[in-house]
Amino acid sequence: MSRLRRLVLDVMKPLEPDMTVLALKLAELEGVEGVNVVLIEVDRDVENVKVTVEGPDLNFEEVKGVIEGIGGAIHSIDEVVAGERIVEEVKTPQDD
């Protein structure tokens, strides 16, 4: 059975709790090996962050639950990697 290996999400979250809390909560989920949260933009009341979650068997609904649990919302799913191994995006001539 295929498994989710990487999720890259565009997330809008309130200023509090800060990004470290979000990263640590996501890292506690079963099947998660690593989390990266990058600040993209700060507004008066919210932050736009890019969240990357990797592991051998991710559960999207649990990841979404953590984000919503801190008052955040997923704006878009920017990358999904599934299967037995992580396949990196390949650059093609059209990408230039």
C-alpha atoms as a PDB file:
ATOM      1  CA  MET A   1       0.000   0.000   0.000  1.00  0.00           C
ATOM      2  CA  SER A   2       1.303   3.463  -0.872  1.00  0.00           C
ATOM      3  CA  ARG A   3       2.135   5.921   1.877  1.00  0.00           C
ATOM      4  CA  LEU A   4       2.472   9.683   2.040  1.00  0.00           C
ATOM      5  CA  ARG A   5       6.151  10.622   2.463  1.00  0.00           C
ATOM      6  CA  ARG A   6       6.178  14.426   2.141  1.00  0.00           C
ATOM      7  CA  LEU A   7       3.624  17.224   2.373  1.00  0.00           C
ATOM      8  CA  VAL A   8       4.389  20.854   1.532  1.00  0.00           C
ATOM      9  CA  LEU A   9       1.593  23.145   2.650  1.00  0.00           C
ATOM     10  CA  ASP A  10       0.887  26.861   2.396  1.00  0.00           C
ATOM     11  CA  VAL A  11      -0.571  27.699   5.808  1.00  0.00           C
ATOM     12  CA  MET A  12      -2.031  30.830   7.339  1.00  0.00           C
ATOM     13  CA  LYS A  13      -1.832  30.847  11.134  1.00  0.00           C
ATOM     14  CA  PRO A  14      -2.374  33.339  13.934  1.00  0.00           C
ATOM     15  CA  LEU A  15       0.738  35.021  15.348  1.00  0.00           C
ATOM     16  CA  GLU A  16       0.293  32.997  18.532  1.00  0.00           C
ATOM     17  CA  PRO A  17       1.233  30.276  19.074  1.00  0.00           C
ATOM     18  CA  ASP A  18       4.521  30.886  17.297  1.00  0.00           C
ATOM     19  CA  MET A  19       6.052  28.692  14.587  1.00  0.00           C
ATOM     20  CA  THR A  20       8.077  26.627  17.049  1.00  0.00           C
ATOM     21  CA  VAL A  21       4.906  25.365  18.723  1.00  0.00           C
ATOM     22  CA  LEU A  22       3.433  24.350  15.364  1.00  0.00           C
ATOM     23  CA  ALA A  23       6.645  22.562  14.344  1.00  0.00           C
ATOM     24  CA  LEU A  24       6.909  20.675  17.635  1.00  0.00           C
ATOM     25  CA  LYS A  25       3.250  19.602  17.592  1.00  0.00           C
ATOM     26  CA  LEU A  26       3.611  18.295  14.034  1.00  0.00           C
ATOM     27  CA  ALA A  27       6.856  16.508  14.923  1.00  0.00           C
ATOM     28  CA  GLU A  28       5.033  14.610  17.685  1.00  0.00           C
ATOM     29  CA  LEU A  29       2.666  12.928  15.215  1.00  0.00           C
ATOM     30  CA  GLU A  30       3.178   9.248  14.501  1.00  0.00           C
ATOM     31  CA  GLY A  31       4.942   8.679  11.181  1.00  0.00           C
ATOM     32  CA  VAL A  32       6.611  12.114  11.145  1.00  0.00           C
ATOM     33  CA  GLU A  33      10.418  12.180  11.001  1.00  0.00           C
ATOM     34  CA  GLY A  34      10.967  15.879  10.336  1.00  0.00           C
ATOM     35  CA  VAL A  35       9.211  19.231  10.054  1.00  0.00           C
ATOM     36  CA  ASN A  36      10.298  22.522   8.507  1.00  0.00           C
ATOM     37  CA  VAL A  37       8.274  25.718   8.989  1.00  0.00           C
ATOM     38  CA  VAL A  38       9.392  28.789   7.016  1.00  0.00           C
ATOM     39  CA  LEU A  39       7.970  32.278   7.466  1.00  0.00           C
ATOM     40  CA  ILE A  40       6.750  33.694   4.156  1.00  0.00           C
ATOM     41  CA  GLU A  41       4.868  36.819   5.243  1.00  0.00           C
ATOM     42  CA  VAL A  42       3.671  38.534   8.421  1.00  0.00           C
ATOM     43  CA  ASP A  43       0.477  40.519   8.550  1.00  0.00           C
ATOM     44  CA  ARG A  44      -0.970  42.395  11.493  1.00  0.00           C
ATOM     45  CA  ASP A  45      -2.736  39.363  12.973  1.00  0.00           C
ATOM     46  CA  VAL A  46      -1.496  36.357  10.978  1.00  0.00           C
ATOM     47  CA  GLU A  47       1.559  34.683   9.500  1.00  0.00           C
ATOM     48  CA  ASN A  48       1.776  32.913   6.174  1.00  0.00           C
ATOM     49  CA  VAL A  49       4.147  29.945   6.513  1.00  0.00           C
ATOM     50  CA  LYS A  50       5.334  27.095   4.330  1.00  0.00           C
ATOM     51  CA  VAL A  51       5.137  23.805   6.222  1.00  0.00           C
ATOM     52  CA  THR A  52       7.087  20.768   5.039  1.00  0.00           C
ATOM     53  CA  VAL A  53       6.448  17.462   6.802  1.00  0.00           C
ATOM     54  CA  GLU A  54       8.381  14.277   5.989  1.00  0.00           C
ATOM     55  CA  GLY A  55       8.207  10.748   7.283  1.00  0.00           C
ATOM     56  CA  PRO A  56       7.647   7.133   6.274  1.00  0.00           C
ATOM     57  CA  ASP A  57       3.865   7.176   6.730  1.00  0.00           C
ATOM     58  CA  LEU A  58       2.166  10.575   7.094  1.00  0.00           C
ATOM     59  CA  ASN A  59      -1.499  11.004   7.902  1.00  0.00           C
ATOM     60  CA  PHE A  60      -2.797  14.121   6.137  1.00  0.00           C
ATOM     61  CA  GLU A  61      -5.875  14.376   8.361  1.00  0.00           C
ATOM     62  CA  GLU A  62      -3.719  14.383  11.509  1.00  0.00           C
ATOM     63  CA  VAL A  63      -1.417  17.057  10.058  1.00  0.00           C
ATOM     64  CA  LYS A  64      -4.457  19.131   9.090  1.00  0.00           C
ATOM     65  CA  GLY A  65      -5.911  18.618  12.587  1.00  0.00           C
ATOM     66  CA  VAL A  66      -2.789  20.027  14.265  1.00  0.00           C
ATOM     67  CA  ILE A  67      -2.807  23.073  11.982  1.00  0.00           C
ATOM     68  CA  GLU A  68      -6.494  23.729  12.547  1.00  0.00           C
ATOM     69  CA  GLY A  69      -6.050  23.049  16.271  1.00  0.00           C
ATOM     70  CA  ILE A  70      -3.765  26.080  16.618  1.00  0.00           C
ATOM     71  CA  GLY A  71      -6.199  28.224  14.623  1.00  0.00           C
ATOM     72  CA  GLY A  72      -4.481  27.835  11.258  1.00  0.00           C
ATOM     73  CA  ALA A  73      -5.818  27.020   7.818  1.00  0.00           C
ATOM     74  CA  ILE A  74      -4.274  25.254   4.834  1.00  0.00           C
ATOM     75  CA  HIS A  75      -4.424  27.594   1.834  1.00  0.00           C
ATOM     76  CA  SER A  76      -2.953  25.101  -0.611  1.00  0.00           C
ATOM     77  CA  ILE A  77      -1.197  21.777  -0.890  1.00  0.00           C
ATOM     78  CA  ASP A  78       1.954  22.670  -2.821  1.00  0.00           C
ATOM     79  CA  GLU A  79       3.644  19.268  -2.993  1.00  0.00           C
ATOM     80  CA  VAL A  80       2.775  15.673  -2.179  1.00  0.00           C
ATOM     81  CA  VAL A  81       5.197  12.750  -2.370  1.00  0.00           C
ATOM     82  CA  ALA A  82       3.867   9.218  -1.980  1.00  0.00           C
ATOM     83  CA  GLY A  83       5.106   5.681  -2.500  1.00  0.00           C
ATOM     84  CA  GLU A  84       7.947   3.505  -1.332  1.00  0.00           C
ATOM     85  CA  ARG A  85      10.547   6.279  -1.626  1.00  0.00           C
ATOM     86  CA  ILE A  86      10.791  10.050  -2.015  1.00  0.00           C
ATOM     87  CA  VAL A  87      11.065  11.162  -5.628  1.00  0.00           C
ATOM     88  CA  GLU A  88      12.455  14.660  -6.059  1.00  0.00           C
ATOM     89  CA  GLU A  89      11.023  17.014  -8.648  1.00  0.00           C
ATOM     90  CA  VAL A  90      12.965  16.937 -11.896  1.00  0.00           C
ATOM     91  CA  LYS A  91      13.773  20.190 -13.704  1.00  0.00           C
ATOM     92  CA  THR A  92      12.813  20.196 -17.391  1.00  0.00           C
ATOM     93  CA  PRO A  93      13.539  22.713 -20.177  1.00  0.00           C
ATOM     94  CA  GLN A  94      10.032  24.161 -19.732  1.00  0.00           C
ATOM     95  CA  ASP A  95      10.946  25.193 -16.171  1.00  0.00           C
ATOM     96  CA  ASP A  96      13.512  27.783 -17.302  1.00  0.00           C
END
